[in-house]
Every structure is written in structure tokens, then in C-alpha cells.
């Protein structure tokens, strides 16, 4: 298992690759560091302190990141406000999220809530919504305002709604 510092190093490397730095994106840095700390507290069975960390992330950055989400190393937010990540979301690594992106469940089934599983090197743009027990492949780009309810193949691009031409 990767250590806390190794994950933060990967997060910082992704920010640098995106032509940003952790210091130039203070809200992203706060959200990522607190998420990494909170998940460790959550995994240790300390659910109430983990809930406090989740509240702190929301108050300080505007992002709602559940401590049960499993996000691999390399996490970067271009903007944190409005980002929602559900409790059973699984993401491999090098995940880039823009403001308003939602990763969540569609509805409760007899198997419980279904959350997405996301591959490596995925970018989810402004106000895109990924819902349900679906799989998003590696190297996928999900465009602004897209609503994704079905599996997405690796290396695909999902476009949001386009306004009519005049």
C-alpha cells in the first residue's frame, strides 16, 4: 500500500504536469491533503473524526468528498467548488476534476447503492455527472455538462450536450 507521502507526491506531480503547482492551487491542495488524511482516519475505524474532516473539506473548499471513496495517487482539482465524490467511488489514479463534477449513485437497488469505478488518467470537466455502477476506462475525457450513465471504453471522449446551431 502506498504511503501518505507517496500519494501526496503523486498528487503534486500531477499538478505540476497540469502546468500548475500545489501552491498555485490552494483549494485543490487543501482538498487533496485533507482527503488523504481523512481516508486514513476513516480506514482506521474512526468514523466521527473522518466526518469532521469531510465537513472541513466542504467548508474550506466547497468540495464534498466522502471519506469512503478510494482514489489512487494523482488527484487534482482545477476548481473545487461543487465537486461531489460519493462514498463508494473507486478511481485508479491521475484523476483530474473540474468544478461541479459529480461522481455518484443513481438510485438504491437490492445490491445497495451503485457508484462508478474510474480508470487511470481520466479528466472530468466542468459540471459533468457520472452516475451509477458503471466503469469508466483508462485515458477517458468526459466533457463539460456530460451526463454519463453507461460504461465508457478506454481512450474515449464523452461530449456534453451541444447547443443548436443558429
C-alpha atoms as a PDB file:
ATOM      1  CA  UNK A   1       0.000   0.000   0.000  1.00  0.00           C
ATOM      2  CA  UNK A   2       1.264   3.417  -0.878  1.00  0.00           C
ATOM      3  CA  UNK A   3       2.176   5.690   1.954  1.00  0.00           C
ATOM      4  CA  UNK A   4       0.555   9.022   2.628  1.00  0.00           C
ATOM      5  CA  UNK A   5       3.626  10.947   1.461  1.00  0.00           C
ATOM      6  CA  UNK A   6       3.948   8.884  -1.724  1.00  0.00           C
ATOM      7  CA  UNK A   7       0.321   9.668  -2.592  1.00  0.00           C
ATOM      8  CA  UNK A   8       0.859  13.374  -1.941  1.00  0.00           C
ATOM      9  CA  UNK A   9       3.984  13.277  -4.099  1.00  0.00           C
ATOM     10  CA  UNK A  10       1.942  11.740  -6.940  1.00  0.00           C
ATOM     11  CA  UNK A  11      -0.778  14.369  -6.408  1.00  0.00           C
ATOM     12  CA  UNK A  12       1.848  17.121  -6.610  1.00  0.00           C
ATOM     13  CA  UNK A  13       3.411  15.574  -9.723  1.00  0.00           C
ATOM     14  CA  UNK A  14       0.031  15.558 -11.458  1.00  0.00           C
ATOM     15  CA  UNK A  15      -0.497  19.215 -10.548  1.00  0.00           C
ATOM     16  CA  UNK A  16       2.941  20.038 -11.972  1.00  0.00           C
ATOM     17  CA  UNK A  17       2.168  18.059 -15.138  1.00  0.00           C
ATOM     18  CA  UNK A  18      -1.026  20.125 -15.488  1.00  0.00           C
ATOM     19  CA  UNK A  19       1.139  23.284 -15.529  1.00  0.00           C
ATOM     20  CA  UNK A  20       0.062  24.191 -12.046  1.00  0.00           C
ATOM     21  CA  UNK A  21       1.586  23.754  -8.658  1.00  0.00           C
ATOM     22  CA  UNK A  22       0.034  22.663  -5.424  1.00  0.00           C
ATOM     23  CA  UNK A  23       0.807  26.121  -4.021  1.00  0.00           C
ATOM     24  CA  UNK A  24      -0.762  27.875  -7.011  1.00  0.00           C
ATOM     25  CA  UNK A  25      -3.961  25.888  -6.419  1.00  0.00           C
ATOM     26  CA  UNK A  26      -4.504  26.299  -2.674  1.00  0.00           C
ATOM     27  CA  UNK A  27      -8.070  24.975  -2.583  1.00  0.00           C
ATOM     28  CA  UNK A  28      -7.059  21.885  -4.550  1.00  0.00           C
ATOM     29  CA  UNK A  29      -4.144  21.367  -2.173  1.00  0.00           C
ATOM     30  CA  UNK A  30      -6.355  21.712   0.897  1.00  0.00           C
ATOM     31  CA  UNK A  31      -8.945  19.297  -0.508  1.00  0.00           C
ATOM     32  CA  UNK A  32      -6.358  16.682  -1.539  1.00  0.00           C
ATOM     33  CA  UNK A  33      -4.319  16.785   1.687  1.00  0.00           C
ATOM     34  CA  UNK A  34      -7.401  16.665   3.910  1.00  0.00           C
ATOM     35  CA  UNK A  35      -8.924  13.880   1.799  1.00  0.00           C
ATOM     36  CA  UNK A  36      -5.733  11.814   2.108  1.00  0.00           C
ATOM     37  CA  UNK A  37      -5.678  12.372   5.887  1.00  0.00           C
ATOM     38  CA  UNK A  38      -9.408  11.744   6.267  1.00  0.00           C
ATOM     39  CA  UNK A  39      -9.354   8.449   4.404  1.00  0.00           C
ATOM     40  CA  UNK A  40      -6.624   7.154   6.703  1.00  0.00           C
ATOM     41  CA  UNK A  41      -8.687   8.141   9.728  1.00  0.00           C
ATOM     42  CA  UNK A  42     -11.779   6.521   8.150  1.00  0.00           C
ATOM     43  CA  UNK A  43      -9.939   3.270   7.359  1.00  0.00           C
ATOM     44  CA  UNK A  44      -8.705   3.145  10.952  1.00  0.00           C
ATOM     45  CA  UNK A  45     -12.350   2.973  12.023  1.00  0.00           C
ATOM     46  CA  UNK A  46     -12.576   6.493  13.408  1.00  0.00           C
ATOM     47  CA  UNK A  47     -15.706   7.496  11.526  1.00  0.00           C
ATOM     48  CA  UNK A  48     -16.676  10.567  13.551  1.00  0.00           C
ATOM     49  CA  UNK A  49     -13.287  12.305  13.152  1.00  0.00           C
ATOM     50  CA  UNK A  50     -13.371  11.343   9.456  1.00  0.00           C
ATOM     51  CA  UNK A  51     -16.791  13.012   9.164  1.00  0.00           C
ATOM     52  CA  UNK A  52     -15.302  16.155  10.692  1.00  0.00           C
ATOM     53  CA  UNK A  53     -12.531  16.098   8.083  1.00  0.00           C
ATOM     54  CA  UNK A  54     -15.160  15.741   5.347  1.00  0.00           C
ATOM     55  CA  UNK A  55     -17.014  18.765   6.776  1.00  0.00           C
ATOM     56  CA  UNK A  56     -13.760  20.732   6.894  1.00  0.00           C
ATOM     57  CA  UNK A  57     -13.103  19.980   3.219  1.00  0.00           C
ATOM     58  CA  UNK A  58     -16.596  21.151   2.334  1.00  0.00           C
ATOM     59  CA  UNK A  59     -16.361  24.336   4.392  1.00  0.00           C
ATOM     60  CA  UNK A  60     -12.865  25.271   3.223  1.00  0.00           C
ATOM     61  CA  UNK A  61     -13.062  24.302  -0.448  1.00  0.00           C
ATOM     62  CA  UNK A  62     -16.687  23.745  -1.483  1.00  0.00           C
ATOM     63  CA  UNK A  63     -15.993  20.117  -2.451  1.00  0.00           C
ATOM     64  CA  UNK A  64     -17.959  17.236  -0.923  1.00  0.00           C
ATOM     65  CA  UNK A  65     -15.625  14.241  -0.900  1.00  0.00           C
ATOM     66  CA  UNK A  66     -16.797  11.168   1.000  1.00  0.00           C
ATOM     67  CA  UNK A  67     -14.093   9.568   3.111  1.00  0.00           C
ATOM     68  CA  UNK A  68     -15.084   6.092   1.890  1.00  0.00           C
ATOM     69  CA  UNK A  69     -14.115   6.940  -1.701  1.00  0.00           C
ATOM     70  CA  UNK A  70     -10.983   5.146  -2.872  1.00  0.00           C
ATOM     71  CA  UNK A  71      -8.931   7.423  -5.094  1.00  0.00           C
ATOM     72  CA  UNK A  72      -5.450   6.350  -6.143  1.00  0.00           C
ATOM     73  CA  UNK A  73      -2.395   8.599  -6.248  1.00  0.00           C
ATOM     74  CA  UNK A  74      -2.538  11.565  -8.563  1.00  0.00           C
ATOM     75  CA  UNK A  75      -5.632  13.607  -7.684  1.00  0.00           C
ATOM     76  CA  UNK A  76      -6.041  17.188  -8.851  1.00  0.00           C
ATOM     77  CA  UNK A  77      -8.925  19.662  -8.806  1.00  0.00           C
ATOM     78  CA  UNK A  78      -8.813  22.570 -11.237  1.00  0.00           C
ATOM     79  CA  UNK A  79     -11.628  24.085  -9.192  1.00  0.00           C
ATOM     80  CA  UNK A  80     -13.063  22.512  -6.071  1.00  0.00           C
ATOM     81  CA  UNK A  81     -16.429  24.236  -5.728  1.00  0.00           C
ATOM     82  CA  UNK A  82     -19.348  21.941  -6.433  1.00  0.00           C
ATOM     83  CA  UNK A  83     -17.306  18.749  -6.806  1.00  0.00           C
ATOM     84  CA  UNK A  84     -19.113  15.753  -5.286  1.00  0.00           C
ATOM     85  CA  UNK A  85     -17.479  12.328  -4.850  1.00  0.00           C
ATOM     86  CA  UNK A  86     -19.661   9.579  -3.385  1.00  0.00           C
ATOM     87  CA  UNK A  87     -18.610   7.142  -0.651  1.00  0.00           C
ATOM     88  CA  UNK A  88     -18.090   4.042  -2.795  1.00  0.00           C
ATOM     89  CA  UNK A  89     -16.429   5.655  -5.804  1.00  0.00           C
ATOM     90  CA  UNK A  90     -13.235   3.860  -6.851  1.00  0.00           C
ATOM     91  CA  UNK A  91     -10.696   5.710  -9.026  1.00  0.00           C
ATOM     92  CA  UNK A  92      -7.324   4.303 -10.023  1.00  0.00           C
ATOM     93  CA  UNK A  93      -5.084   7.346 -10.253  1.00  0.00           C
ATOM     94  CA  UNK A  94      -4.266  10.538 -12.105  1.00  0.00           C
ATOM     95  CA  UNK A  95      -7.811  11.809 -11.796  1.00  0.00           C
ATOM     96  CA  UNK A  96      -8.415  15.436 -12.789  1.00  0.00           C
ATOM     97  CA  UNK A  97     -11.713  17.055 -11.801  1.00  0.00           C
ATOM     98  CA  UNK A  98     -13.070  20.456 -12.728  1.00  0.00           C
ATOM     99  CA  UNK A  99     -15.637  22.442 -10.739  1.00  0.00           C
ATOM    100  CA  UNK A 100     -19.083  20.950 -10.368  1.00  0.00           C
ATOM    101  CA  UNK A 101     -18.083  17.415 -11.397  1.00  0.00           C
ATOM    102  CA  UNK A 102     -20.255  14.763  -9.719  1.00  0.00           C
ATOM    103  CA  UNK A 103     -19.330  11.109  -9.180  1.00  0.00           C
ATOM    104  CA  UNK A 104     -22.274   9.435  -7.516  1.00  0.00           C
ATOM    105  CA  UNK A 105     -25.056   6.865  -7.351  1.00  0.00           C
ATOM    106  CA  UNK A 106     -28.209   6.773  -9.431  1.00  0.00           C
ATOM    107  CA  UNK A 107     -30.597   5.020  -7.081  1.00  0.00           C
ATOM    108  CA  UNK A 108     -30.623   2.298  -4.463  1.00  0.00           C
ATOM    109  CA  UNK A 109     -31.050  -1.253  -5.728  1.00  0.00           C
ATOM    110  CA  UNK A 110     -31.322  -4.608  -3.989  1.00  0.00           C
ATOM    111  CA  UNK A 111     -27.492  -4.716  -4.182  1.00  0.00           C
ATOM    112  CA  UNK A 112     -27.154  -1.341  -2.458  1.00  0.00           C
ATOM    113  CA  UNK A 113     -26.060   1.969  -3.947  1.00  0.00           C
ATOM    114  CA  UNK A 114     -24.088   1.752  -7.167  1.00  0.00           C
ATOM    115  CA  UNK A 115     -21.138   4.083  -7.659  1.00  0.00           C
ATOM    116  CA  UNK A 116     -18.756   4.438 -10.621  1.00  0.00           C
ATOM    117  CA  UNK A 117     -15.369   2.783 -10.970  1.00  0.00           C
ATOM    118  CA  UNK A 118     -12.922   5.031 -12.800  1.00  0.00           C
ATOM    119  CA  UNK A 119      -9.697   4.034 -14.548  1.00  0.00           C
ATOM    120  CA  UNK A 120      -6.364   5.854 -14.707  1.00  0.00           C
ATOM    121  CA  UNK A 121      -5.657   9.168 -16.422  1.00  0.00           C
ATOM    122  CA  UNK A 122      -9.253  10.370 -16.519  1.00  0.00           C
ATOM    123  CA  UNK A 123     -10.304  14.012 -16.875  1.00  0.00           C
ATOM    124  CA  UNK A 124     -13.826  15.048 -15.911  1.00  0.00           C
ATOM    125  CA  UNK A 125     -14.674  18.569 -16.971  1.00  0.00           C
ATOM    126  CA  UNK A 126     -16.970  21.272 -15.601  1.00  0.00           C
ATOM    127  CA  UNK A 127     -20.363  20.084 -14.315  1.00  0.00           C
ATOM    128  CA  UNK A 128     -20.024  16.615 -15.844  1.00  0.00           C
ATOM    129  CA  UNK A 129     -22.013  13.961 -13.960  1.00  0.00           C
ATOM    130  CA  UNK A 130     -21.032  10.294 -13.757  1.00  0.00           C
ATOM    131  CA  UNK A 131     -23.701   8.188 -12.051  1.00  0.00           C
ATOM    132  CA  UNK A 132     -24.335   4.583 -11.162  1.00  0.00           C
ATOM    133  CA  UNK A 133     -22.439   1.304 -11.048  1.00  0.00           C
ATOM    134  CA  UNK A 134     -20.564   1.934 -14.293  1.00  0.00           C
ATOM    135  CA  UNK A 135     -16.954   1.576 -15.408  1.00  0.00           C
ATOM    136  CA  UNK A 136     -15.018   4.446 -16.945  1.00  0.00           C
ATOM    137  CA  UNK A 137     -11.945   3.150 -18.810  1.00  0.00           C
ATOM    138  CA  UNK A 138      -8.380   4.457 -18.744  1.00  0.00           C
ATOM    139  CA  UNK A 139      -7.430   7.655 -20.585  1.00  0.00           C
ATOM    140  CA  UNK A 140     -11.014   8.934 -20.864  1.00  0.00           C
ATOM    141  CA  UNK A 141     -12.091  12.563 -21.181  1.00  0.00           C
ATOM    142  CA  UNK A 142     -15.609  13.482 -20.103  1.00  0.00           C
ATOM    143  CA  UNK A 143     -16.682  16.852 -21.472  1.00  0.00           C
ATOM    144  CA  UNK A 144     -18.436  19.718 -19.759  1.00  0.00           C
ATOM    145  CA  UNK A 145     -22.071  19.112 -18.790  1.00  0.00           C
ATOM    146  CA  UNK A 146     -21.964  15.470 -19.930  1.00  0.00           C
ATOM    147  CA  UNK A 147     -24.297  13.022 -18.199  1.00  0.00           C
ATOM    148  CA  UNK A 148     -22.691   9.573 -18.137  1.00  0.00           C
ATOM    149  CA  UNK A 149     -24.959   6.655 -17.186  1.00  0.00           C
ATOM    150  CA  UNK A 150     -23.282   3.830 -19.146  1.00  0.00           C
ATOM    151  CA  UNK A 151     -19.803   2.289 -19.281  1.00  0.00           C
ATOM    152  CA  UNK A 152     -17.170   4.228 -21.240  1.00  0.00           C
ATOM    153  CA  UNK A 153     -14.457   2.413 -23.211  1.00  0.00           C
ATOM    154  CA  UNK A 154     -10.778   3.246 -22.671  1.00  0.00           C
ATOM    155  CA  UNK A 155      -9.393   6.255 -24.592  1.00  0.00           C
ATOM    156  CA  UNK A 156     -12.890   7.542 -25.373  1.00  0.00           C
ATOM    157  CA  UNK A 157     -14.152  11.109 -25.234  1.00  0.00           C
ATOM    158  CA  UNK A 158     -17.665  11.761 -23.966  1.00  0.00           C
ATOM    159  CA  UNK A 159     -19.158  15.070 -25.072  1.00  0.00           C
ATOM    160  CA  UNK A 160     -21.751  17.067 -23.232  1.00  0.00           C
ATOM    161  CA  UNK A 161     -24.880  18.450 -24.862  1.00  0.00           C
ATOM    162  CA  UNK A 162     -24.240  20.829 -27.722  1.00  0.00           C
ATOM    163  CA  UNK A 163     -26.441  23.880 -28.203  1.00  0.00           C
ATOM    164  CA  UNK A 164     -28.326  24.066 -31.513  1.00  0.00           C
ATOM    165  CA  UNK A 165     -26.623  25.978 -34.324  1.00  0.00           C
ATOM    166  CA  UNK A 166     -28.132  29.253 -35.469  1.00  0.00           C
END
